[in-house]
Amino acid sequence: MTLSGIGVAGCGRMGAPMLASLLKAGFDAFGYDVRPASDFAALSPHMRPLDAFSQDLRILITVVRDIAQTEDVLFGAQNLATAPNLKTIILSSTLSPRYIRDLRPRIPPHITLIDAPMSGAAIAAEESRLSFMLGGTDATLDAHQPLFDAMGAHFHRMGDYGMGMQAKVLNNLLAASHTAMTRLVLNWADDAGLDETRLLNLIHTSSGQNWLASGFDEIEFARDGWAEDNTIGILVKDVASALDAAPEGADLALPETVQSAIRKLAPRPKSGGAP
């Protein structure tokens, strides 16, 4: 399979560095975003208006925020599911697994679907070391693996189409719980007079170790408060995706409590009191 005509739809915090990684690896790749190309600095020459993006598109990678934006990309304002030369859609947004499964009958049967949500935050995207959770047949994933190799460092084949997204929302449910609890622990430590850096160093090598605490000074949203349009807000959406795919009759009290705690997060100043 020839890997050309690779379009990244949604060139924001994650999509832009993913496009940059594909270009660095030598792929015929280009981007589309609702923002003008002039907003994208070095990537501006590789951003295309919708008509040109659609015409040249063979492999679509979607990296938009949520289901509503995915609907726009595939069927609504952009309507890229009908692009004339489209062969593959790679879904890298974190979405409800139910929605992902329900997409299959809505997409023309000649178009291959891969669910490939990723983890690692913007720093991992910028350094081409994302972790991908992949859903699809081995033959399909083998054919597209060079694209994932260009953007990532860890690849987890979780099963058939839809299983990558199921794994991702469960992973993000843990990430959300770590975020809520790590921030609570740091606030309580402030009240007790503990030094933030010393405590984070302790956590990194002790039983409380988790991804957010270990990368607290690198992860760009670690100190953010909740807002509808930021990454903390996305975590609330990701918990909702996990809840949507919860087993019938499951006890939802703990994930709903985590979701509520994240909604209440206020910005945390840098160690030493600097904003």
Protein backbone atom coordinates (compact mmCIF):
# COMPACT_ATOMS: atom_id res chain seq x y z
CA MET A 1 0.00 0.00 0.00
CA THR A 2 1.30 3.44 -0.95
CA LEU A 3 1.21 5.82 2.00
CA SER A 4 0.60 9.15 0.33
CA GLY A 5 -2.02 11.87 0.41
CA ILE A 6 -1.97 11.90 4.20
CA GLY A 7 -4.16 14.62 5.64
CA VAL A 8 -4.31 15.65 9.30
CA ALA A 9 -7.63 17.28 10.17
CA GLY A 10 -7.39 19.29 13.37
CA CYS A 11 -3.93 20.82 13.68
CA GLY A 12 -4.11 21.98 17.26
CA ARG A 13 -2.06 21.09 20.32
CA MET A 14 -1.64 17.46 19.23
CA GLY A 15 -2.42 17.47 15.52
CA ALA A 16 0.16 20.10 14.55
CA PRO A 17 3.18 18.25 16.00
CA MET A 18 1.83 14.97 14.55
CA LEU A 19 1.78 16.59 11.11
CA ALA A 20 5.28 17.95 11.70
CA SER A 21 6.50 14.44 12.58
CA LEU A 22 5.02 12.98 9.39
CA LEU A 23 6.68 15.70 7.31
CA LYS A 24 10.01 15.17 9.08
CA ALA A 25 9.78 11.47 8.22
CA GLY A 26 9.36 12.36 4.55
CA PHE A 27 5.68 11.57 4.07
CA ASP A 28 3.42 13.34 1.60
CA ALA A 29 1.39 14.96 4.36
CA PHE A 30 -0.67 18.13 4.71
CA GLY A 31 -3.04 19.69 7.20
CA TYR A 32 -6.47 21.26 7.49
CA ASP A 33 -7.87 23.34 10.32
CA VAL A 34 -10.72 25.78 10.72
CA ARG A 35 -8.14 28.41 11.63
CA PRO A 36 -6.29 30.18 8.79
CA ALA A 37 -2.96 28.77 7.56
CA SER A 38 -1.20 31.94 8.74
CA ASP A 39 -1.77 30.79 12.34
CA PHE A 40 0.57 27.84 11.92
CA ALA A 41 4.03 29.42 11.57
CA ALA A 42 6.44 26.85 10.07
CA LEU A 43 3.57 24.54 9.14
CA SER A 44 1.77 27.21 7.11
CA PRO A 45 3.10 25.99 3.72
CA HIS A 46 1.68 22.55 4.48
CA MET A 47 -1.82 23.69 5.43
CA ARG A 48 -4.45 23.48 2.69
CA PRO A 49 -7.88 24.96 2.12
CA LEU A 50 -10.69 22.45 2.37
CA ASP A 51 -11.17 21.85 -1.37
CA ALA A 52 -7.50 21.08 -1.98
CA PHE A 53 -7.26 19.05 1.22
CA SER A 54 -10.23 16.92 0.18
CA GLN A 55 -9.13 16.43 -3.43
CA ASP A 56 -5.67 15.06 -2.57
CA LEU A 57 -6.79 13.07 0.48
CA ARG A 58 -6.13 9.31 0.58
CA ILE A 59 -5.48 8.75 4.29
CA LEU A 60 -7.32 10.97 6.77
CA ILE A 61 -6.06 11.32 10.35
CA THR A 62 -8.60 13.08 12.57
CA VAL A 63 -7.27 14.82 15.69
CA VAL A 64 -10.24 16.99 16.65
CA ARG A 65 -11.64 17.56 20.12
CA ASP A 66 -14.86 15.57 20.39
CA ILE A 67 -17.75 13.81 18.69
CA ALA A 68 -19.35 17.04 17.45
CA GLN A 69 -16.14 18.08 15.70
CA THR A 70 -15.64 14.55 14.34
CA GLU A 71 -19.14 14.71 12.88
CA ASP A 72 -18.23 17.99 11.20
CA VAL A 73 -15.04 16.51 9.77
CA LEU A 74 -16.66 13.36 8.42
CA PHE A 75 -20.23 14.30 7.53
CA GLY A 76 -20.93 17.96 8.26
CA ALA A 77 -19.09 21.18 7.44
CA GLN A 78 -16.03 19.40 6.00
CA ASN A 79 -17.81 16.19 4.84
CA LEU A 80 -14.50 14.42 4.26
CA ALA A 81 -16.02 10.93 4.36
CA THR A 82 -17.01 11.64 0.74
CA ALA A 83 -13.54 12.81 -0.39
CA PRO A 84 -13.09 11.33 -3.89
CA ASN A 85 -9.81 9.49 -3.30
CA LEU A 86 -10.17 8.60 0.38
CA LYS A 87 -9.07 5.07 1.29
CA THR A 88 -8.44 5.10 5.06
CA ILE A 89 -9.71 7.02 8.09
CA ILE A 90 -7.55 6.96 11.22
CA LEU A 91 -9.43 8.23 14.27
CA SER A 92 -6.96 9.65 16.79
CA SER A 93 -9.35 11.72 18.89
CA THR A 94 -10.52 10.25 22.19
CA LEU A 95 -14.20 9.45 21.67
CA SER A 96 -16.85 7.15 23.04
CA PRO A 97 -16.22 3.55 21.96
CA ARG A 98 -19.93 3.25 21.22
CA TYR A 99 -19.70 6.14 18.77
CA ILE A 100 -16.63 4.60 17.13
CA ARG A 101 -18.36 1.26 16.60
CA ASP A 102 -21.46 2.98 15.22
CA LEU A 103 -19.36 4.80 12.62
CA ARG A 104 -18.65 1.66 10.60
CA PRO A 105 -22.04 1.38 8.87
CA ARG A 106 -22.05 5.14 8.21
CA ILE A 107 -18.75 5.11 6.30
CA PRO A 108 -18.59 3.75 2.75
CA PRO A 109 -17.45 0.10 2.88
CA HIS A 110 -14.42 0.66 0.61
CA ILE A 111 -12.89 2.98 3.26
CA THR A 112 -10.75 1.29 5.93
CA LEU A 113 -11.32 2.44 9.52
CA ILE A 114 -8.61 2.38 12.18
CA ASP A 115 -9.06 3.67 15.70
CA ALA A 116 -5.72 5.01 16.90
CA PRO A 117 -6.13 7.26 19.93
CA MET A 118 -2.86 8.36 21.48
CA SER A 119 -1.45 9.27 24.86
CA GLY A 120 1.49 11.34 26.03
CA ALA A 121 0.41 15.01 25.97
CA ALA A 122 1.81 17.66 23.64
CA ILE A 123 5.41 17.14 24.75
CA ALA A 124 5.31 13.54 23.48
CA ALA A 125 3.73 14.63 20.19
CA GLU A 126 6.45 17.24 19.71
CA GLU A 127 9.15 14.63 20.36
CA SER A 128 7.47 11.95 18.16
CA ARG A 129 7.09 9.53 21.07
CA LEU A 130 3.35 9.18 21.45
CA SER A 131 1.76 5.96 22.67
CA PHE A 132 -0.89 4.66 20.27
CA MET A 133 -3.70 2.28 21.17
CA LEU A 134 -4.65 0.61 17.91
CA GLY A 135 -7.79 -1.15 16.73
CA GLY A 136 -7.91 -2.99 13.42
CA THR A 137 -6.82 -6.16 11.69
CA ASP A 138 -3.11 -7.01 11.74
CA ALA A 139 -2.94 -6.60 7.96
CA THR A 140 -4.48 -3.13 8.13
CA LEU A 141 -2.26 -2.02 10.99
CA ASP A 142 0.86 -3.47 9.33
CA ALA A 143 0.12 -1.45 6.19
CA HIS A 144 -0.16 1.80 8.15
CA GLN A 145 2.49 1.14 10.80
CA PRO A 146 5.09 3.44 9.15
CA LEU A 147 2.79 6.39 9.88
CA PHE A 148 2.56 5.46 13.55
CA ASP A 149 6.33 4.88 13.66
CA ALA A 150 6.83 8.48 12.48
CA MET A 151 4.64 9.92 15.23
CA GLY A 152 5.10 7.58 18.15
CA ALA A 153 7.33 5.30 20.17
CA HIS A 154 4.88 2.84 21.75
CA PHE A 155 2.24 0.87 19.88
CA HIS A 156 -0.39 -1.31 21.54
CA ARG A 157 -2.55 -3.44 19.25
CA MET A 158 -5.66 -3.98 21.30
CA GLY A 159 -7.76 -6.05 18.88
CA ASP A 160 -10.31 -5.39 16.16
CA TYR A 161 -11.60 -1.97 15.16
CA GLY A 162 -13.01 -0.22 18.25
CA MET A 163 -10.78 -1.93 20.78
CA GLY A 164 -8.13 0.80 20.62
CA MET A 165 -10.69 3.37 21.71
CA GLN A 166 -12.07 1.11 24.42
CA ALA A 167 -8.57 0.77 25.84
CA LYS A 168 -7.92 4.51 25.54
CA VAL A 169 -10.96 5.63 27.53
CA LEU A 170 -10.09 3.16 30.30
CA ASN A 171 -6.51 4.46 30.32
CA ASN A 172 -7.79 8.03 30.47
CA LEU A 173 -10.13 7.15 33.32
CA LEU A 174 -7.01 6.24 35.30
CA ALA A 175 -5.24 9.39 34.09
CA ALA A 176 -8.21 11.47 35.26
CA SER A 177 -8.15 9.84 38.69
CA HIS A 178 -4.40 10.44 38.96
CA THR A 179 -4.91 14.07 37.98
CA ALA A 180 -7.64 14.67 40.55
CA MET A 181 -5.83 12.90 43.37
CA THR A 182 -2.34 14.29 42.62
CA ARG A 183 -3.67 17.83 42.67
CA LEU A 184 -5.52 17.19 45.92
CA VAL A 185 -2.35 15.72 47.48
CA LEU A 186 -0.31 18.75 46.41
CA ASN A 187 -2.88 21.13 47.86
CA TRP A 188 -2.86 19.27 51.15
CA ALA A 189 0.94 19.28 51.10
CA ASP A 190 0.89 23.08 50.70
CA ASP A 191 -1.28 23.33 53.77
CA ALA A 192 1.16 21.12 55.70
CA GLY A 193 4.16 23.18 54.59
CA LEU A 194 5.77 20.45 52.44
CA ASP A 195 7.99 21.52 49.54
CA GLU A 196 6.36 20.63 46.20
CA THR A 197 9.55 19.56 44.41
CA ARG A 198 10.68 17.33 47.25
CA LEU A 199 7.28 15.69 47.49
CA LEU A 200 7.06 15.09 43.73
CA ASN A 201 10.53 13.53 43.80
CA LEU A 202 9.38 11.27 46.61
CA ILE A 203 6.21 10.26 44.76
CA HIS A 204 8.21 9.46 41.62
CA THR A 205 10.20 6.75 43.44
CA SER A 206 7.50 5.53 45.83
CA SER A 207 4.17 3.73 45.88
CA GLY A 208 2.20 6.84 44.86
CA GLN A 209 4.03 7.12 41.52
CA ASN A 210 1.85 8.11 38.58
CA TRP A 211 2.26 9.71 35.16
CA LEU A 212 1.05 13.19 36.11
CA ALA A 213 3.17 13.46 39.25
CA SER A 214 6.28 12.12 37.50
CA GLY A 215 5.93 14.58 34.63
CA PHE A 216 4.44 17.49 36.56
CA ASP A 217 6.92 20.07 35.28
CA GLU A 218 6.75 18.84 31.66
CA ILE A 219 3.05 18.15 31.13
CA GLU A 220 1.65 21.40 29.83
CA PHE A 221 -1.72 21.18 31.60
CA ALA A 222 -0.52 19.86 34.96
CA ARG A 223 -1.19 23.17 36.77
CA ASP A 224 -4.29 24.25 34.86
CA GLY A 225 -7.68 24.76 36.39
CA TRP A 226 -10.78 23.42 34.70
CA ALA A 227 -12.04 25.25 31.63
CA GLU A 228 -14.42 24.05 28.95
CA ASP A 229 -11.83 24.41 26.18
CA ASN A 230 -8.59 23.23 27.82
CA THR A 231 -7.06 19.81 28.50
CA ILE A 232 -8.51 19.58 31.99
CA GLY A 233 -11.89 20.08 30.35
CA ILE A 234 -11.03 17.31 27.88
CA LEU A 235 -10.39 14.96 30.81
CA VAL A 236 -13.98 15.53 31.94
CA LYS A 237 -15.11 14.62 28.41
CA ASP A 238 -12.88 11.52 28.42
CA VAL A 239 -14.40 10.28 31.68
CA ALA A 240 -17.81 10.76 30.06
CA SER A 241 -16.63 8.56 27.16
CA ALA A 242 -15.56 5.86 29.60
CA LEU A 243 -18.91 6.09 31.39
CA ASP A 244 -20.72 5.75 28.05
CA ALA A 245 -18.95 2.41 27.52
CA ALA A 246 -19.31 1.15 31.10
CA PRO A 247 -20.58 -2.41 31.58
CA GLU A 248 -24.31 -2.69 32.15
CA GLY A 249 -25.08 -2.34 35.83
CA ALA A 250 -21.59 -1.06 36.71
CA ASP A 251 -21.14 1.12 39.80
CA LEU A 252 -20.41 4.57 38.38
CA ALA A 253 -19.96 6.39 41.68
CA LEU A 254 -16.15 6.51 41.68
CA PRO A 255 -15.64 7.73 38.08
CA GLU A 256 -18.42 10.28 38.53
CA THR A 257 -16.69 11.53 41.70
CA VAL A 258 -13.41 11.86 39.77
CA GLN A 259 -15.21 13.79 37.05
CA SER A 260 -16.73 16.14 39.62
CA ALA A 261 -13.34 16.69 41.30
CA ILE A 262 -11.70 17.63 37.99
CA ARG A 263 -14.46 20.16 37.27
CA LYS A 264 -13.57 21.90 40.54
CA LEU A 265 -9.81 22.20 39.88
CA ALA A 266 -8.41 25.72 40.18
CA PRO A 267 -5.07 26.80 38.61
CA ARG A 268 -2.04 25.81 40.66
CA PRO A 269 0.84 28.32 40.82
CA LYS A 270 4.36 27.16 40.09
CA SER A 271 6.47 26.05 43.00
CA GLY A 272 7.62 29.08 44.97
CA GLY A 273 4.43 31.00 44.25
CA ALA A 274 5.20 32.20 40.70
CA PRO A 275 2.12 32.17 38.43
